[in-house]
Amino acid sequence: MRILLFGIVKDIVGVDKLDIKLDIPKNVGDLKKYLVKKYPELGNLSSLAIALNNEYATEEMKLTIQDEIAIIPPVSGG
């Protein structure tokens, strides 16, 4: 599973992508919990949008090892 990171999420984690090959989270909600546990500073963000294979995902959507995931941090406009 490839996870692409953007904005402040990339800054917090320190890389622009992660590859998870073992212990794949079962769904998007589990992935969020996994990431916050591994990178606690992510828990301080007001929200994280997740795209699964180029479409916004809900927390219940199932994950597979072939998925490409993008973590999209909160965005402010002006």
C-alpha atoms as a PDB file:
ATOM      1  CA  MET A   1       0.000   0.000   0.000  1.00  0.00           C
ATOM      2  CA  ARG A   2       1.465   3.351  -1.032  1.00  0.00           C
ATOM      3  CA  ILE A   3       0.534   6.434   0.981  1.00  0.00           C
ATOM      4  CA  LEU A   4       1.245   9.858  -0.515  1.00  0.00           C
ATOM      5  CA  LEU A   5       1.664  12.710   1.976  1.00  0.00           C
ATOM      6  CA  PHE A   6       1.086  16.407   1.345  1.00  0.00           C
ATOM      7  CA  GLY A   7       1.525  19.724   3.128  1.00  0.00           C
ATOM      8  CA  ILE A   8       1.916  19.669   6.886  1.00  0.00           C
ATOM      9  CA  VAL A   9       1.412  15.891   6.961  1.00  0.00           C
ATOM     10  CA  LYS A  10       4.573  15.508   4.874  1.00  0.00           C
ATOM     11  CA  ASP A  11       6.374  17.884   7.251  1.00  0.00           C
ATOM     12  CA  ILE A  12       5.271  15.937  10.339  1.00  0.00           C
ATOM     13  CA  VAL A  13       6.180  12.513   8.935  1.00  0.00           C
ATOM     14  CA  GLY A  14       9.372  13.718   7.253  1.00  0.00           C
ATOM     15  CA  VAL A  15       8.827  12.028   3.880  1.00  0.00           C
ATOM     16  CA  ASP A  16       6.444  12.478   0.961  1.00  0.00           C
ATOM     17  CA  LYS A  17       5.348   8.830   0.745  1.00  0.00           C
ATOM     18  CA  LEU A  18       5.097   5.724   2.878  1.00  0.00           C
ATOM     19  CA  ASP A  19       4.859   2.098   1.793  1.00  0.00           C
ATOM     20  CA  ILE A  20       3.080  -0.342   4.100  1.00  0.00           C
ATOM     21  CA  LYS A  21       3.585  -3.993   3.257  1.00  0.00           C
ATOM     22  CA  LEU A  22       2.695  -5.716   6.527  1.00  0.00           C
ATOM     23  CA  ASP A  23      -0.186  -5.270   8.955  1.00  0.00           C
ATOM     24  CA  ILE A  24      -2.337  -3.437   6.405  1.00  0.00           C
ATOM     25  CA  PRO A  25      -5.136  -1.502   8.132  1.00  0.00           C
ATOM     26  CA  LYS A  26      -8.529  -2.995   7.231  1.00  0.00           C
ATOM     27  CA  ASN A  27     -10.269   0.287   6.394  1.00  0.00           C
ATOM     28  CA  VAL A  28      -9.673   4.038   6.125  1.00  0.00           C
ATOM     29  CA  GLY A  29     -10.647   4.638   9.773  1.00  0.00           C
ATOM     30  CA  ASP A  30      -8.080   2.069  10.930  1.00  0.00           C
ATOM     31  CA  LEU A  31      -5.469   3.721   8.706  1.00  0.00           C
ATOM     32  CA  LYS A  32      -6.089   7.089  10.390  1.00  0.00           C
ATOM     33  CA  LYS A  33      -5.672   5.466  13.821  1.00  0.00           C
ATOM     34  CA  TYR A  34      -2.481   3.715  12.676  1.00  0.00           C
ATOM     35  CA  LEU A  35      -0.978   6.966  11.380  1.00  0.00           C
ATOM     36  CA  VAL A  36      -1.856   8.966  14.513  1.00  0.00           C
ATOM     37  CA  LYS A  37      -0.382   6.230  16.706  1.00  0.00           C
ATOM     38  CA  LYS A  38       2.838   6.171  14.676  1.00  0.00           C
ATOM     39  CA  TYR A  39       2.983   9.976  14.243  1.00  0.00           C
ATOM     40  CA  PRO A  40       1.168  11.505  17.272  1.00  0.00           C
ATOM     41  CA  GLU A  41       1.465  15.088  15.961  1.00  0.00           C
ATOM     42  CA  LEU A  42      -1.058  14.176  13.253  1.00  0.00           C
ATOM     43  CA  GLY A  43      -3.666  13.991  16.022  1.00  0.00           C
ATOM     44  CA  ASN A  44      -3.290  17.768  16.505  1.00  0.00           C
ATOM     45  CA  LEU A  45      -4.572  18.546  12.996  1.00  0.00           C
ATOM     46  CA  SER A  46      -8.184  19.699  12.721  1.00  0.00           C
ATOM     47  CA  SER A  47      -8.911  17.176   9.966  1.00  0.00           C
ATOM     48  CA  LEU A  48      -7.329  14.814   7.489  1.00  0.00           C
ATOM     49  CA  ALA A  49      -8.997  13.979   4.205  1.00  0.00           C
ATOM     50  CA  ILE A  50      -8.059  10.680   2.647  1.00  0.00           C
ATOM     51  CA  ALA A  51      -8.269   9.824  -1.026  1.00  0.00           C
ATOM     52  CA  LEU A  52      -8.344   6.156  -1.979  1.00  0.00           C
ATOM     53  CA  ASN A  53      -7.285   5.419  -5.560  1.00  0.00           C
ATOM     54  CA  ASN A  54      -7.899   9.054  -6.585  1.00  0.00           C
ATOM     55  CA  GLU A  55     -11.331   9.428  -4.928  1.00  0.00           C
ATOM     56  CA  TYR A  56     -12.210  10.837  -1.523  1.00  0.00           C
ATOM     57  CA  ALA A  57     -12.765   7.986   0.931  1.00  0.00           C
ATOM     58  CA  THR A  58     -15.095   7.389   3.856  1.00  0.00           C
ATOM     59  CA  GLU A  59     -13.830   5.835   7.094  1.00  0.00           C
ATOM     60  CA  GLU A  60     -15.587   2.527   6.323  1.00  0.00           C
ATOM     61  CA  MET A  61     -13.980   1.932   2.925  1.00  0.00           C
ATOM     62  CA  LYS A  62     -11.886  -1.256   2.821  1.00  0.00           C
ATOM     63  CA  LEU A  63      -8.184  -1.177   1.982  1.00  0.00           C
ATOM     64  CA  THR A  64      -5.978  -3.598   0.063  1.00  0.00           C
ATOM     65  CA  ILE A  65      -2.221  -3.783  -0.434  1.00  0.00           C
ATOM     66  CA  GLN A  66      -2.626  -2.550  -4.040  1.00  0.00           C
ATOM     67  CA  ASP A  67      -4.309   0.724  -3.016  1.00  0.00           C
ATOM     68  CA  GLU A  68      -2.794   4.151  -3.469  1.00  0.00           C
ATOM     69  CA  ILE A  69      -3.779   6.529  -0.721  1.00  0.00           C
ATOM     70  CA  ALA A  70      -3.296  10.281  -0.432  1.00  0.00           C
ATOM     71  CA  ILE A  71      -3.421  12.030   2.934  1.00  0.00           C
ATOM     72  CA  ILE A  72      -4.690  15.561   2.435  1.00  0.00           C
ATOM     73  CA  PRO A  73      -4.200  17.980   5.346  1.00  0.00           C
ATOM     74  CA  PRO A  74      -6.611  20.767   6.272  1.00  0.00           C
ATOM     75  CA  VAL A  75      -6.554  23.552   3.714  1.00  0.00           C
ATOM     76  CA  SER A  76      -7.125  27.212   4.419  1.00  0.00           C
ATOM     77  CA  GLY A  77      -8.212  29.597   1.738  1.00  0.00           C
ATOM     78  CA  GLY A  78      -7.910  33.260   1.235  1.00  0.00           C
END
